[in-house]
Amino acid sequence: MATRARLATVAGGIILLPARLAEPLMTGLQKILGIRRMPWVFLLPNLLAVLFFSLLPVAINIFYSITGSDRLYPSERPFIGSGNYETLFDCTNYLDASTCSSDLFWRALRNSLVFVPIQVICMIGVALLAAVCLNREIRGRGFFRAVFFFPVMLSPVVVALTWQWILQRNGALNGILTWLGLSPVNWLVFPNTAFFWSVFVTVWAHMGFYTIILLAGLQSIPRDVYEAAKMDSATNWRVFTRITLPLLKPVLLVVFVLCVIRSVQTFDELYVLTGGGPGSATMLIVQYIYEVGFAVQPRNFGLAAAASLLLGVVLLIFTGLQLRLSRNSQHG
């Protein structure tokens, strides 16, 4: 016991050593700055991190969006003002991408406007259904919760390569179809099927994250409410629509905003799974930014920066509207 106590004392001294070494410095700073300014000392490292890793890249992106040339160094890039934005919006008919100077931008935008609502609806619907099922008293509930969350821990590239192996001409899915006496299908060659599997794979890969959030929201609902509804002989559907959904509304709003932002930023899985093809059928706006800024020659950093800033502004406005609607619904 005595030896254990000495070891605990030594370990405690080692742990407290950095704090003791920093104590004179903190005491001196407190005398110079005053007690009211000391919180800024502790906030300074985080503020510097935000400045260098968030605000500074945005400022650099703005600079690149108003300059031209394929040169990387700022000193070699001439100022062109709104030229990159004018190139993006140079269209005879905005509903026909082929009439635009940057036709791929408008094709990617059109694909995103179709992909995002479909994926978000499917994602939230499946995640909510899974959360409701996993919230019930079922055998092996912990195992099934782990199974639903497992794809979230996988690398997007691993997810895409796995599903590419399943969906290719000689893949596992066509192997099952052949075993059943059916003809194999080129799932990723035709635009409609490639788009369907793009939505399916992204939902499969990320639904576990939103399921966990919704499951936490379901578990925060008081059980007394359900017991009272049961005493009133309320049906399961009535309980779900009149109790579960209204009480889960704040969590659903958070999930909806996170899901939309994640959906708009989809890139990894689709780039590996389809490469944006066939043609440009599954190219989304983030892939367009990557292709223009890094993949094609000559690289157009300014055009990519302008497109990324437009995307950021749209996401910022959308998030602000959602938060405003949330406050209005809560006060109403």
C-alpha atoms as a PDB file:
ATOM      1  CA  MET A   1       0.000   0.000   0.000  1.00  0.00           C
ATOM      2  CA  ALA A   2       2.821   2.393   0.864  1.00  0.00           C
ATOM      3  CA  THR A   3       4.554   1.680  -2.470  1.00  0.00           C
ATOM      4  CA  ARG A   4       1.301   2.271  -4.341  1.00  0.00           C
ATOM      5  CA  ALA A   5       0.791   5.561  -2.502  1.00  0.00           C
ATOM      6  CA  ARG A   6       4.342   6.706  -3.424  1.00  0.00           C
ATOM      7  CA  LEU A   7       3.762   5.810  -7.074  1.00  0.00           C
ATOM      8  CA  ALA A   8       0.490   7.745  -7.057  1.00  0.00           C
ATOM      9  CA  THR A   9       2.272  10.754  -5.535  1.00  0.00           C
ATOM     10  CA  VAL A  10       5.060  10.632  -8.128  1.00  0.00           C
ATOM     11  CA  ALA A  11       2.560  10.258 -10.972  1.00  0.00           C
ATOM     12  CA  GLY A  12       0.519  13.186  -9.651  1.00  0.00           C
ATOM     13  CA  GLY A  13       3.661  15.307  -9.427  1.00  0.00           C
ATOM     14  CA  ILE A  14       4.590  14.510 -13.027  1.00  0.00           C
ATOM     15  CA  ILE A  15       1.090  15.358 -14.238  1.00  0.00           C
ATOM     16  CA  LEU A  16       1.064  18.656 -12.339  1.00  0.00           C
ATOM     17  CA  LEU A  17       4.592  19.619 -13.429  1.00  0.00           C
ATOM     18  CA  PRO A  18       3.534  21.518 -16.619  1.00  0.00           C
ATOM     19  CA  ALA A  19       0.954  23.481 -14.621  1.00  0.00           C
ATOM     20  CA  ARG A  20       3.543  24.378 -11.980  1.00  0.00           C
ATOM     21  CA  LEU A  21       6.029  25.478 -14.625  1.00  0.00           C
ATOM     22  CA  ALA A  22       3.392  27.659 -16.317  1.00  0.00           C
ATOM     23  CA  GLU A  23       2.156  29.173 -13.037  1.00  0.00           C
ATOM     24  CA  PRO A  24       4.762  31.976 -12.822  1.00  0.00           C
ATOM     25  CA  LEU A  25       4.071  32.952 -16.435  1.00  0.00           C
ATOM     26  CA  MET A  26       0.296  33.015 -15.869  1.00  0.00           C
ATOM     27  CA  THR A  27       0.766  35.021 -12.658  1.00  0.00           C
ATOM     28  CA  GLY A  28       2.898  37.592 -14.495  1.00  0.00           C
ATOM     29  CA  LEU A  29       0.418  37.876 -17.357  1.00  0.00           C
ATOM     30  CA  GLN A  30      -2.418  38.353 -14.876  1.00  0.00           C
ATOM     31  CA  LYS A  31      -0.559  41.224 -13.213  1.00  0.00           C
ATOM     32  CA  ILE A  32       0.108  42.884 -16.575  1.00  0.00           C
ATOM     33  CA  LEU A  33      -3.263  42.313 -18.276  1.00  0.00           C
ATOM     34  CA  GLY A  34      -5.604  42.146 -15.331  1.00  0.00           C
ATOM     35  CA  ILE A  35      -8.023  39.413 -14.369  1.00  0.00           C
ATOM     36  CA  ARG A  36     -10.697  40.510 -16.875  1.00  0.00           C
ATOM     37  CA  ARG A  37      -8.392  40.094 -19.895  1.00  0.00           C
ATOM     38  CA  MET A  38      -7.026  36.692 -18.889  1.00  0.00           C
ATOM     39  CA  PRO A  39      -9.753  34.715 -20.773  1.00  0.00           C
ATOM     40  CA  TRP A  40      -8.332  36.140 -24.033  1.00  0.00           C
ATOM     41  CA  VAL A  41      -4.997  34.511 -23.215  1.00  0.00           C
ATOM     42  CA  PHE A  42      -6.650  31.082 -23.174  1.00  0.00           C
ATOM     43  CA  LEU A  43      -8.752  31.876 -26.247  1.00  0.00           C
ATOM     44  CA  LEU A  44      -5.790  33.147 -28.274  1.00  0.00           C
ATOM     45  CA  PRO A  45      -4.535  29.716 -29.514  1.00  0.00           C
ATOM     46  CA  ASN A  46      -8.006  28.808 -30.787  1.00  0.00           C
ATOM     47  CA  LEU A  47      -8.493  32.233 -32.369  1.00  0.00           C
ATOM     48  CA  LEU A  48      -5.154  31.913 -34.169  1.00  0.00           C
ATOM     49  CA  ALA A  49      -6.116  28.446 -35.419  1.00  0.00           C
ATOM     50  CA  VAL A  50      -9.420  29.794 -36.764  1.00  0.00           C
ATOM     51  CA  LEU A  51      -7.602  32.715 -38.375  1.00  0.00           C
ATOM     52  CA  PHE A  52      -4.929  30.658 -40.145  1.00  0.00           C
ATOM     53  CA  PHE A  53      -6.968  27.575 -41.042  1.00  0.00           C
ATOM     54  CA  SER A  54     -10.412  29.098 -41.750  1.00  0.00           C
ATOM     55  CA  LEU A  55     -10.435  32.863 -42.363  1.00  0.00           C
ATOM     56  CA  LEU A  56      -7.089  33.119 -44.166  1.00  0.00           C
ATOM     57  CA  PRO A  57      -7.974  30.392 -46.745  1.00  0.00           C
ATOM     58  CA  VAL A  58     -11.264  32.201 -47.433  1.00  0.00           C
ATOM     59  CA  ALA A  59      -9.379  35.457 -48.018  1.00  0.00           C
ATOM     60  CA  ILE A  60      -6.939  33.687 -50.354  1.00  0.00           C
ATOM     61  CA  ASN A  61      -9.864  32.110 -52.192  1.00  0.00           C
ATOM     62  CA  ILE A  62     -11.455  35.536 -52.690  1.00  0.00           C
ATOM     63  CA  PHE A  63      -8.162  36.847 -54.070  1.00  0.00           C
ATOM     64  CA  TYR A  64      -7.874  33.974 -56.558  1.00  0.00           C
ATOM     65  CA  SER A  65     -11.490  34.464 -57.672  1.00  0.00           C
ATOM     66  CA  ILE A  66     -10.790  38.045 -58.792  1.00  0.00           C
ATOM     67  CA  THR A  67      -7.483  37.272 -60.528  1.00  0.00           C
ATOM     68  CA  GLY A  68      -6.683  35.406 -63.725  1.00  0.00           C
ATOM     69  CA  SER A  69      -3.951  33.265 -65.362  1.00  0.00           C
ATOM     70  CA  ASP A  70      -2.979  29.677 -64.603  1.00  0.00           C
ATOM     71  CA  ARG A  71      -0.127  30.819 -62.367  1.00  0.00           C
ATOM     72  CA  LEU A  72      -0.185  29.706 -58.751  1.00  0.00           C
ATOM     73  CA  TYR A  73       1.803  32.496 -57.067  1.00  0.00           C
ATOM     74  CA  PRO A  74      -0.283  35.596 -56.224  1.00  0.00           C
ATOM     75  CA  SER A  75       2.373  37.970 -57.581  1.00  0.00           C
ATOM     76  CA  GLU A  76       2.002  36.381 -61.041  1.00  0.00           C
ATOM     77  CA  ARG A  77      -1.802  36.635 -61.199  1.00  0.00           C
ATOM     78  CA  PRO A  78      -3.288  39.762 -62.855  1.00  0.00           C
ATOM     79  CA  PHE A  79      -6.408  41.390 -61.443  1.00  0.00           C
ATOM     80  CA  ILE A  80      -9.532  40.752 -63.581  1.00  0.00           C
ATOM     81  CA  GLY A  81     -12.294  41.765 -61.148  1.00  0.00           C
ATOM     82  CA  SER A  82     -15.540  39.909 -61.738  1.00  0.00           C
ATOM     83  CA  GLY A  83     -14.271  38.197 -64.905  1.00  0.00           C
ATOM     84  CA  ASN A  84     -14.437  34.675 -63.469  1.00  0.00           C
ATOM     85  CA  TYR A  85     -17.989  35.199 -62.210  1.00  0.00           C
ATOM     86  CA  GLU A  86     -19.028  36.615 -65.587  1.00  0.00           C
ATOM     87  CA  THR A  87     -17.585  33.507 -67.267  1.00  0.00           C
ATOM     88  CA  LEU A  88     -19.624  31.230 -64.998  1.00  0.00           C
ATOM     89  CA  PHE A  89     -22.847  33.141 -65.699  1.00  0.00           C
ATOM     90  CA  ASP A  90     -22.222  33.689 -69.419  1.00  0.00           C
ATOM     91  CA  CYS A  91     -25.262  31.835 -70.823  1.00  0.00           C
ATOM     92  CA  THR A  92     -27.760  32.453 -73.586  1.00  0.00           C
ATOM     93  CA  ASN A  93     -30.310  30.204 -71.891  1.00  0.00           C
ATOM     94  CA  TYR A  94     -29.705  29.214 -68.274  1.00  0.00           C
ATOM     95  CA  LEU A  95     -31.954  26.165 -68.694  1.00  0.00           C
ATOM     96  CA  ASP A  96     -29.740  24.838 -71.485  1.00  0.00           C
ATOM     97  CA  ALA A  97     -26.195  24.138 -70.291  1.00  0.00           C
ATOM     98  CA  SER A  98     -24.897  23.810 -73.856  1.00  0.00           C
ATOM     99  CA  THR A  99     -25.457  27.564 -74.385  1.00  0.00           C
ATOM    100  CA  CYS A 100     -23.138  28.491 -71.503  1.00  0.00           C
ATOM    101  CA  SER A 101     -19.431  29.232 -71.658  1.00  0.00           C
ATOM    102  CA  SER A 102     -18.909  27.032 -68.607  1.00  0.00           C
ATOM    103  CA  ASP A 103     -21.345  24.304 -69.628  1.00  0.00           C
ATOM    104  CA  LEU A 104     -19.868  21.783 -67.177  1.00  0.00           C
ATOM    105  CA  PHE A 105     -20.578  24.181 -64.296  1.00  0.00           C
ATOM    106  CA  TRP A 106     -24.267  24.306 -65.170  1.00  0.00           C
ATOM    107  CA  ARG A 107     -24.440  20.544 -65.749  1.00  0.00           C
ATOM    108  CA  ALA A 108     -22.853  19.979 -62.344  1.00  0.00           C
ATOM    109  CA  LEU A 109     -25.224  22.530 -60.804  1.00  0.00           C
ATOM    110  CA  ARG A 110     -28.241  20.829 -62.390  1.00  0.00           C
ATOM    111  CA  ASN A 111     -27.048  17.422 -61.152  1.00  0.00           C
ATOM    112  CA  SER A 112     -26.570  18.857 -57.650  1.00  0.00           C
ATOM    113  CA  LEU A 113     -30.075  20.369 -57.651  1.00  0.00           C
ATOM    114  CA  VAL A 114     -31.469  16.910 -58.411  1.00  0.00           C
ATOM    115  CA  PHE A 115     -29.055  14.879 -56.285  1.00  0.00           C
ATOM    116  CA  VAL A 116     -29.266  16.901 -53.072  1.00  0.00           C
ATOM    117  CA  PRO A 117     -33.077  16.802 -52.496  1.00  0.00           C
ATOM    118  CA  ILE A 118     -33.318  13.109 -53.404  1.00  0.00           C
ATOM    119  CA  GLN A 119     -30.358  12.136 -51.261  1.00  0.00           C
ATOM    120  CA  VAL A 120     -31.442  14.253 -48.271  1.00  0.00           C
ATOM    121  CA  ILE A 121     -34.999  12.868 -48.320  1.00  0.00           C
ATOM    122  CA  CYS A 122     -33.745   9.289 -48.612  1.00  0.00           C
ATOM    123  CA  MET A 123     -31.054   9.838 -45.981  1.00  0.00           C
ATOM    124  CA  ILE A 124     -33.363  11.324 -43.360  1.00  0.00           C
ATOM    125  CA  GLY A 125     -36.158   8.842 -44.115  1.00  0.00           C
ATOM    126  CA  VAL A 126     -33.930   5.785 -43.813  1.00  0.00           C
ATOM    127  CA  ALA A 127     -32.051   7.176 -40.798  1.00  0.00           C
ATOM    128  CA  LEU A 128     -35.325   7.976 -38.999  1.00  0.00           C
ATOM    129  CA  LEU A 129     -36.735   4.520 -39.741  1.00  0.00           C
ATOM    130  CA  ALA A 130     -33.531   2.874 -38.514  1.00  0.00           C
ATOM    131  CA  ALA A 131     -33.475   5.035 -35.368  1.00  0.00           C
ATOM    132  CA  VAL A 132     -37.088   4.162 -34.518  1.00  0.00           C
ATOM    133  CA  CYS A 133     -36.384   0.455 -34.995  1.00  0.00           C
ATOM    134  CA  LEU A 134     -33.153   0.562 -32.958  1.00  0.00           C
ATOM    135  CA  ASN A 135     -34.936   2.436 -30.166  1.00  0.00           C
ATOM    136  CA  ARG A 136     -37.214  -0.527 -29.550  1.00  0.00           C
ATOM    137  CA  GLU A 137     -36.508  -3.385 -27.178  1.00  0.00           C
ATOM    138  CA  ILE A 138     -35.184  -5.919 -29.686  1.00  0.00           C
ATOM    139  CA  ARG A 139     -32.735  -8.761 -29.261  1.00  0.00           C
ATOM    140  CA  GLY A 140     -29.184  -7.840 -30.254  1.00  0.00           C
ATOM    141  CA  ARG A 141     -29.946  -4.127 -30.298  1.00  0.00           C
ATOM    142  CA  GLY A 142     -26.342  -3.154 -29.510  1.00  0.00           C
ATOM    143  CA  PHE A 143     -25.062  -5.311 -32.361  1.00  0.00           C
ATOM    144  CA  PHE A 144     -27.439  -3.758 -34.891  1.00  0.00           C
ATOM    145  CA  ARG A 145     -26.537  -0.248 -33.730  1.00  0.00           C
ATOM    146  CA  ALA A 146     -22.878  -1.042 -34.372  1.00  0.00           C
ATOM    147  CA  VAL A 147     -23.726  -2.512 -37.795  1.00  0.00           C
ATOM    148  CA  PHE A 148     -25.588   0.626 -38.872  1.00  0.00           C
ATOM    149  CA  PHE A 149     -22.751   2.878 -37.712  1.00  0.00           C
ATOM    150  CA  PHE A 150     -19.928   0.756 -39.165  1.00  0.00           C
ATOM    151  CA  PRO A 151     -19.975   2.276 -42.717  1.00  0.00           C
ATOM    152  CA  VAL A 152     -19.433   5.753 -41.238  1.00  0.00           C
ATOM    153  CA  MET A 153     -16.020   4.668 -39.942  1.00  0.00           C
ATOM    154  CA  LEU A 154     -14.875   3.502 -43.383  1.00  0.00           C
ATOM    155  CA  SER A 155     -12.887   5.722 -45.702  1.00  0.00           C
ATOM    156  CA  PRO A 156     -15.016   7.148 -48.554  1.00  0.00           C
ATOM    157  CA  VAL A 157     -12.511   5.672 -51.012  1.00  0.00           C
ATOM    158  CA  VAL A 158     -12.900   2.226 -49.438  1.00  0.00           C
ATOM    159  CA  VAL A 159     -16.697   2.546 -49.635  1.00  0.00           C
ATOM    160  CA  ALA A 160     -16.565   3.569 -53.300  1.00  0.00           C
ATOM    161  CA  LEU A 161     -14.104   0.829 -54.276  1.00  0.00           C
ATOM    162  CA  THR A 162     -16.188  -1.795 -52.469  1.00  0.00           C
ATOM    163  CA  TRP A 163     -19.376  -0.785 -54.268  1.00  0.00           C
ATOM    164  CA  GLN A 164     -17.503  -0.452 -57.551  1.00  0.00           C
ATOM    165  CA  TRP A 165     -16.437  -4.088 -57.172  1.00  0.00           C
ATOM    166  CA  ILE A 166     -20.052  -5.056 -56.420  1.00  0.00           C
ATOM    167  CA  LEU A 167     -21.537  -3.100 -59.342  1.00  0.00           C
ATOM    168  CA  GLN A 168     -19.003  -3.700 -62.108  1.00  0.00           C
ATOM    169  CA  ARG A 169     -19.786  -5.918 -65.111  1.00  0.00           C
ATOM    170  CA  ASN A 170     -18.247  -9.001 -63.478  1.00  0.00           C
ATOM    171  CA  GLY A 171     -19.104  -7.911 -59.952  1.00  0.00           C
ATOM    172  CA  ALA A 172     -20.975  -9.561 -57.123  1.00  0.00           C
ATOM    173  CA  LEU A 173     -24.398  -8.145 -57.985  1.00  0.00           C
ATOM    174  CA  ASN A 174     -24.249  -9.317 -61.586  1.00  0.00           C
ATOM    175  CA  GLY A 175     -22.979 -12.658 -60.300  1.00  0.00           C
ATOM    176  CA  ILE A 176     -26.194 -13.027 -58.297  1.00  0.00           C
ATOM    177  CA  LEU A 177     -28.285 -12.021 -61.308  1.00  0.00           C
ATOM    178  CA  THR A 178     -26.482 -14.580 -63.492  1.00  0.00           C
ATOM    179  CA  TRP A 179     -27.036 -17.266 -60.842  1.00  0.00           C
ATOM    180  CA  LEU A 180     -30.763 -16.421 -60.931  1.00  0.00           C
ATOM    181  CA  GLY A 181     -30.784 -16.821 -64.725  1.00  0.00           C
ATOM    182  CA  LEU A 182     -30.939 -13.087 -65.497  1.00  0.00           C
ATOM    183  CA  SER A 183     -28.719 -11.051 -67.782  1.00  0.00           C
ATOM    184  CA  PRO A 184     -25.959  -8.925 -66.205  1.00  0.00           C
ATOM    185  CA  VAL A 185     -26.409  -5.146 -66.221  1.00  0.00           C
ATOM    186  CA  ASN A 186     -23.821  -2.405 -66.736  1.00  0.00           C
ATOM    187  CA  TRP A 187     -24.937  -0.514 -63.638  1.00  0.00           C
ATOM    188  CA  LEU A 188     -22.430   2.351 -63.912  1.00  0.00           C
ATOM    189  CA  VAL A 189     -22.553   2.785 -67.700  1.00  0.00           C
ATOM    190  CA  PHE A 190     -26.072   4.197 -68.099  1.00  0.00           C
ATOM    191  CA  PRO A 191     -26.883   7.663 -66.646  1.00  0.00           C
ATOM    192  CA  ASN A 192     -30.077   6.696 -64.783  1.00  0.00           C
ATOM    193  CA  THR A 193     -28.664   3.595 -63.077  1.00  0.00           C
ATOM    194  CA  ALA A 194     -25.373   5.357 -62.292  1.00  0.00           C
ATOM    195  CA  PHE A 195     -27.285   8.227 -60.679  1.00  0.00           C
ATOM    196  CA  PHE A 196     -29.435   5.793 -58.664  1.00  0.00           C
ATOM    197  CA  TRP A 197     -26.407   3.953 -57.310  1.00  0.00           C
ATOM    198  CA  SER A 198     -24.688   7.261 -56.550  1.00  0.00           C
ATOM    199  CA  VAL A 199     -27.575   8.176 -54.257  1.00  0.00           C
ATOM    200  CA  PHE A 200     -27.771   4.655 -52.800  1.00  0.00           C
ATOM    201  CA  VAL A 201     -24.060   4.393 -51.979  1.00  0.00           C
ATOM    202  CA  THR A 202     -23.863   7.821 -50.329  1.00  0.00           C
ATOM    203  CA  VAL A 203     -26.957   7.107 -48.240  1.00  0.00           C
ATOM    204  CA  TRP A 204     -25.562   3.711 -47.216  1.00  0.00           C
ATOM    205  CA  ALA A 205     -22.221   5.253 -46.270  1.00  0.00           C
ATOM    206  CA  HIS A 206     -23.491   8.131 -44.101  1.00  0.00           C
ATOM    207  CA  MET A 207     -26.915   7.204 -42.746  1.00  0.00           C
ATOM    208  CA  GLY A 208     -25.373   5.690 -39.599  1.00  0.00           C
ATOM    209  CA  PHE A 209     -24.163   9.096 -38.427  1.00  0.00           C
ATOM    210  CA  TYR A 210     -27.627  10.643 -38.662  1.00  0.00           C
ATOM    211  CA  THR A 211     -29.204   7.507 -37.198  1.00  0.00           C
ATOM    212  CA  ILE A 212     -27.126   7.932 -34.037  1.00  0.00           C
ATOM    213  CA  ILE A 213     -28.177  11.591 -33.710  1.00  0.00           C
ATOM    214  CA  LEU A 214     -31.860  10.738 -34.189  1.00  0.00           C
ATOM    215  CA  LEU A 215     -31.569   7.794 -31.804  1.00  0.00           C
ATOM    216  CA  ALA A 216     -30.179  10.124 -29.131  1.00  0.00           C
ATOM    217  CA  GLY A 217     -33.128  12.454 -29.759  1.00  0.00           C
ATOM    218  CA  LEU A 218     -35.603   9.583 -29.432  1.00  0.00           C
ATOM    219  CA  GLN A 219     -34.061   8.461 -26.155  1.00  0.00           C
ATOM    220  CA  SER A 220     -34.378  11.981 -24.737  1.00  0.00           C
ATOM    221  CA  ILE A 221     -38.183  11.882 -25.109  1.00  0.00           C
ATOM    222  CA  PRO A 222     -39.770  11.130 -21.699  1.00  0.00           C
ATOM    223  CA  ARG A 223     -41.252   7.639 -21.440  1.00  0.00           C
ATOM    224  CA  ASP A 224     -44.181   9.007 -19.436  1.00  0.00           C
ATOM    225  CA  VAL A 225     -45.582  10.550 -22.617  1.00  0.00           C
ATOM    226  CA  TYR A 226     -45.656   7.176 -24.371  1.00  0.00           C
ATOM    227  CA  GLU A 227     -47.178   5.475 -21.334  1.00  0.00           C
ATOM    228  CA  ALA A 228     -49.965   8.079 -21.243  1.00  0.00           C
ATOM    229  CA  ALA A 229     -50.624   7.544 -24.971  1.00  0.00           C
ATOM    230  CA  LYS A 230     -50.711   3.790 -24.399  1.00  0.00           C
ATOM    231  CA  MET A 231     -53.289   4.237 -21.633  1.00  0.00           C
ATOM    232  CA  ASP A 232     -55.407   6.257 -24.103  1.00  0.00           C
ATOM    233  CA  SER A 233     -55.197   3.339 -26.600  1.00  0.00           C
ATOM    234  CA  ALA A 234     -53.457   5.486 -29.211  1.00  0.00           C
ATOM    235  CA  THR A 235     -52.279   3.631 -32.305  1.00  0.00           C
ATOM    236  CA  ASN A 236     -48.573   3.397 -33.156  1.00  0.00           C
ATOM    237  CA  TRP A 237     -48.999   5.706 -36.147  1.00  0.00           C
ATOM    238  CA  ARG A 238     -50.824   8.313 -34.047  1.00  0.00           C
ATOM    239  CA  VAL A 239     -48.132   8.144 -31.376  1.00  0.00           C
ATOM    240  CA  PHE A 240     -45.447   8.601 -34.029  1.00  0.00           C
ATOM    241  CA  THR A 241     -47.121  11.559 -35.771  1.00  0.00           C
ATOM    242  CA  ARG A 242     -48.516  13.321 -32.676  1.00  0.00           C
ATOM    243  CA  ILE A 243     -45.764  12.672 -30.119  1.00  0.00           C
ATOM    244  CA  THR A 244     -42.508  11.423 -31.626  1.00  0.00           C
ATOM    245  CA  LEU A 245     -42.205  13.746 -34.624  1.00  0.00           C
ATOM    246  CA  PRO A 246     -43.174  16.998 -32.815  1.00  0.00           C
ATOM    247  CA  LEU A 247     -40.785  16.296 -29.918  1.00  0.00           C
ATOM    248  CA  LEU A 248     -38.064  15.241 -32.355  1.00  0.00           C
ATOM    249  CA  LYS A 249     -38.441  18.379 -34.490  1.00  0.00           C
ATOM    250  CA  PRO A 250     -35.351  20.262 -33.128  1.00  0.00           C
ATOM    251  CA  VAL A 251     -33.148  17.211 -33.701  1.00  0.00           C
ATOM    252  CA  LEU A 252     -34.618  16.689 -37.165  1.00  0.00           C
ATOM    253  CA  LEU A 253     -33.789  20.288 -38.052  1.00  0.00           C
ATOM    254  CA  VAL A 254     -30.162  19.805 -37.023  1.00  0.00           C
ATOM    255  CA  VAL A 255     -29.977  16.560 -38.992  1.00  0.00           C
ATOM    256  CA  PHE A 256     -31.566  18.242 -42.010  1.00  0.00           C
ATOM    257  CA  VAL A 257     -29.050  21.118 -42.049  1.00  0.00           C
ATOM    258  CA  LEU A 258     -26.067  18.786 -41.563  1.00  0.00           C
ATOM    259  CA  CYS A 259     -27.392  16.418 -44.206  1.00  0.00           C
ATOM    260  CA  VAL A 260     -27.876  19.174 -46.803  1.00  0.00           C
ATOM    261  CA  ILE A 261     -24.401  20.587 -46.227  1.00  0.00           C
ATOM    262  CA  ARG A 262     -22.847  17.120 -46.446  1.00  0.00           C
ATOM    263  CA  SER A 263     -24.861  16.284 -49.555  1.00  0.00           C
ATOM    264  CA  VAL A 264     -23.832  19.449 -51.399  1.00  0.00           C
ATOM    265  CA  GLN A 265     -20.181  18.707 -50.567  1.00  0.00           C
ATOM    266  CA  THR A 266     -20.326  15.103 -51.825  1.00  0.00           C
ATOM    267  CA  PHE A 267     -17.191  14.314 -53.778  1.00  0.00           C
ATOM    268  CA  ASP A 268     -15.071  11.357 -52.625  1.00  0.00           C
ATOM    269  CA  GLU A 269     -17.469   8.473 -53.160  1.00  0.00           C
ATOM    270  CA  LEU A 270     -18.764   9.641 -56.526  1.00  0.00           C
ATOM    271  CA  TYR A 271     -15.351  10.565 -57.872  1.00  0.00           C
ATOM    272  CA  VAL A 272     -14.062   7.044 -57.201  1.00  0.00           C
ATOM    273  CA  LEU A 273     -17.311   5.229 -58.006  1.00  0.00           C
ATOM    274  CA  THR A 274     -18.280   6.899 -61.293  1.00  0.00           C
ATOM    275  CA  GLY A 275     -15.707   9.629 -61.933  1.00  0.00           C
ATOM    276  CA  GLY A 276     -18.637  11.944 -62.627  1.00  0.00           C
ATOM    277  CA  GLY A 277     -19.781   9.781 -65.518  1.00  0.00           C
ATOM    278  CA  PRO A 278     -21.076   8.423 -67.675  1.00  0.00           C
ATOM    279  CA  GLY A 279     -20.264  11.690 -69.408  1.00  0.00           C
ATOM    280  CA  SER A 280     -21.219  14.274 -66.785  1.00  0.00           C
ATOM    281  CA  ALA A 281     -24.343  12.484 -65.493  1.00  0.00           C
ATOM    282  CA  THR A 282     -23.093  12.211 -61.901  1.00  0.00           C
ATOM    283  CA  MET A 283     -20.719  15.187 -61.755  1.00  0.00           C
ATOM    284  CA  LEU A 284     -21.620  17.422 -58.824  1.00  0.00           C
ATOM    285  CA  ILE A 285     -20.499  20.968 -58.133  1.00  0.00           C
ATOM    286  CA  VAL A 286     -17.562  20.022 -55.867  1.00  0.00           C
ATOM    287  CA  GLN A 287     -16.154  17.693 -58.514  1.00  0.00           C
ATOM    288  CA  TYR A 288     -16.430  20.506 -61.056  1.00  0.00           C
ATOM    289  CA  ILE A 289     -14.385  22.740 -58.754  1.00  0.00           C
ATOM    290  CA  TYR A 290     -11.762  20.015 -58.388  1.00  0.00           C
ATOM    291  CA  GLU A 291     -11.628  19.278 -62.115  1.00  0.00           C
ATOM    292  CA  VAL A 292     -11.258  22.928 -63.143  1.00  0.00           C
ATOM    293  CA  GLY A 293      -8.782  23.852 -60.425  1.00  0.00           C
ATOM    294  CA  PHE A 294      -6.560  20.782 -60.291  1.00  0.00           C
ATOM    295  CA  ALA A 295      -7.298  18.051 -62.859  1.00  0.00           C
ATOM    296  CA  VAL A 296      -7.540  19.673 -66.303  1.00  0.00           C
ATOM    297  CA  GLN A 297      -4.832  21.605 -68.112  1.00  0.00           C
ATOM    298  CA  PRO A 298      -4.437  24.533 -68.022  1.00  0.00           C
ATOM    299  CA  ARG A 299      -5.587  24.784 -64.431  1.00  0.00           C
ATOM    300  CA  ASN A 300      -8.024  27.615 -63.863  1.00  0.00           C
ATOM    301  CA  PHE A 301      -7.640  28.445 -60.179  1.00  0.00           C
ATOM    302  CA  GLY A 302      -9.693  31.620 -60.483  1.00  0.00           C
ATOM    303  CA  LEU A 303     -12.726  29.908 -61.983  1.00  0.00           C
ATOM    304  CA  ALA A 304     -12.578  27.143 -59.373  1.00  0.00           C
ATOM    305  CA  ALA A 305     -12.274  29.711 -56.576  1.00  0.00           C
ATOM    306  CA  ALA A 306     -15.244  31.681 -57.908  1.00  0.00           C
ATOM    307  CA  ALA A 307     -17.389  28.526 -58.099  1.00  0.00           C
ATOM    308  CA  SER A 308     -16.397  27.482 -54.571  1.00  0.00           C
ATOM    309  CA  LEU A 309     -17.253  30.923 -53.178  1.00  0.00           C
ATOM    310  CA  LEU A 310     -20.668  30.811 -54.842  1.00  0.00           C
ATOM    311  CA  LEU A 311     -21.222  27.398 -53.272  1.00  0.00           C
ATOM    312  CA  GLY A 312     -20.160  28.708 -49.861  1.00  0.00           C
ATOM    313  CA  VAL A 313     -22.490  31.720 -50.103  1.00  0.00           C
ATOM    314  CA  VAL A 314     -25.437  29.485 -51.050  1.00  0.00           C
ATOM    315  CA  LEU A 315     -24.746  27.171 -48.098  1.00  0.00           C
ATOM    316  CA  LEU A 316     -24.382  30.144 -45.745  1.00  0.00           C
ATOM    317  CA  ILE A 317     -27.697  31.644 -46.866  1.00  0.00           C
ATOM    318  CA  PHE A 318     -29.444  28.290 -46.654  1.00  0.00           C
ATOM    319  CA  THR A 319     -28.146  27.604 -43.142  1.00  0.00           C
ATOM    320  CA  GLY A 320     -29.153  31.095 -42.001  1.00  0.00           C
ATOM    321  CA  LEU A 321     -32.679  30.629 -43.348  1.00  0.00           C
ATOM    322  CA  GLN A 322     -32.993  27.275 -41.617  1.00  0.00           C
ATOM    323  CA  LEU A 323     -31.853  28.709 -38.282  1.00  0.00           C
ATOM    324  CA  ARG A 324     -34.246  31.647 -38.655  1.00  0.00           C
ATOM    325  CA  LEU A 325     -37.150  29.308 -39.414  1.00  0.00           C
ATOM    326  CA  SER A 326     -36.166  27.240 -36.383  1.00  0.00           C
ATOM    327  CA  ARG A 327     -36.259  30.280 -34.085  1.00  0.00           C
ATOM    328  CA  ASN A 328     -39.590  31.430 -35.508  1.00  0.00           C
ATOM    329  CA  SER A 329     -41.142  27.977 -34.999  1.00  0.00           C
ATOM    330  CA  GLN A 330     -39.862  27.816 -31.425  1.00  0.00           C
ATOM    331  CA  HIS A 331     -41.179  31.278 -30.547  1.00  0.00           C
ATOM    332  CA  GLY A 332     -44.427  30.583 -32.390  1.00  0.00           C
END
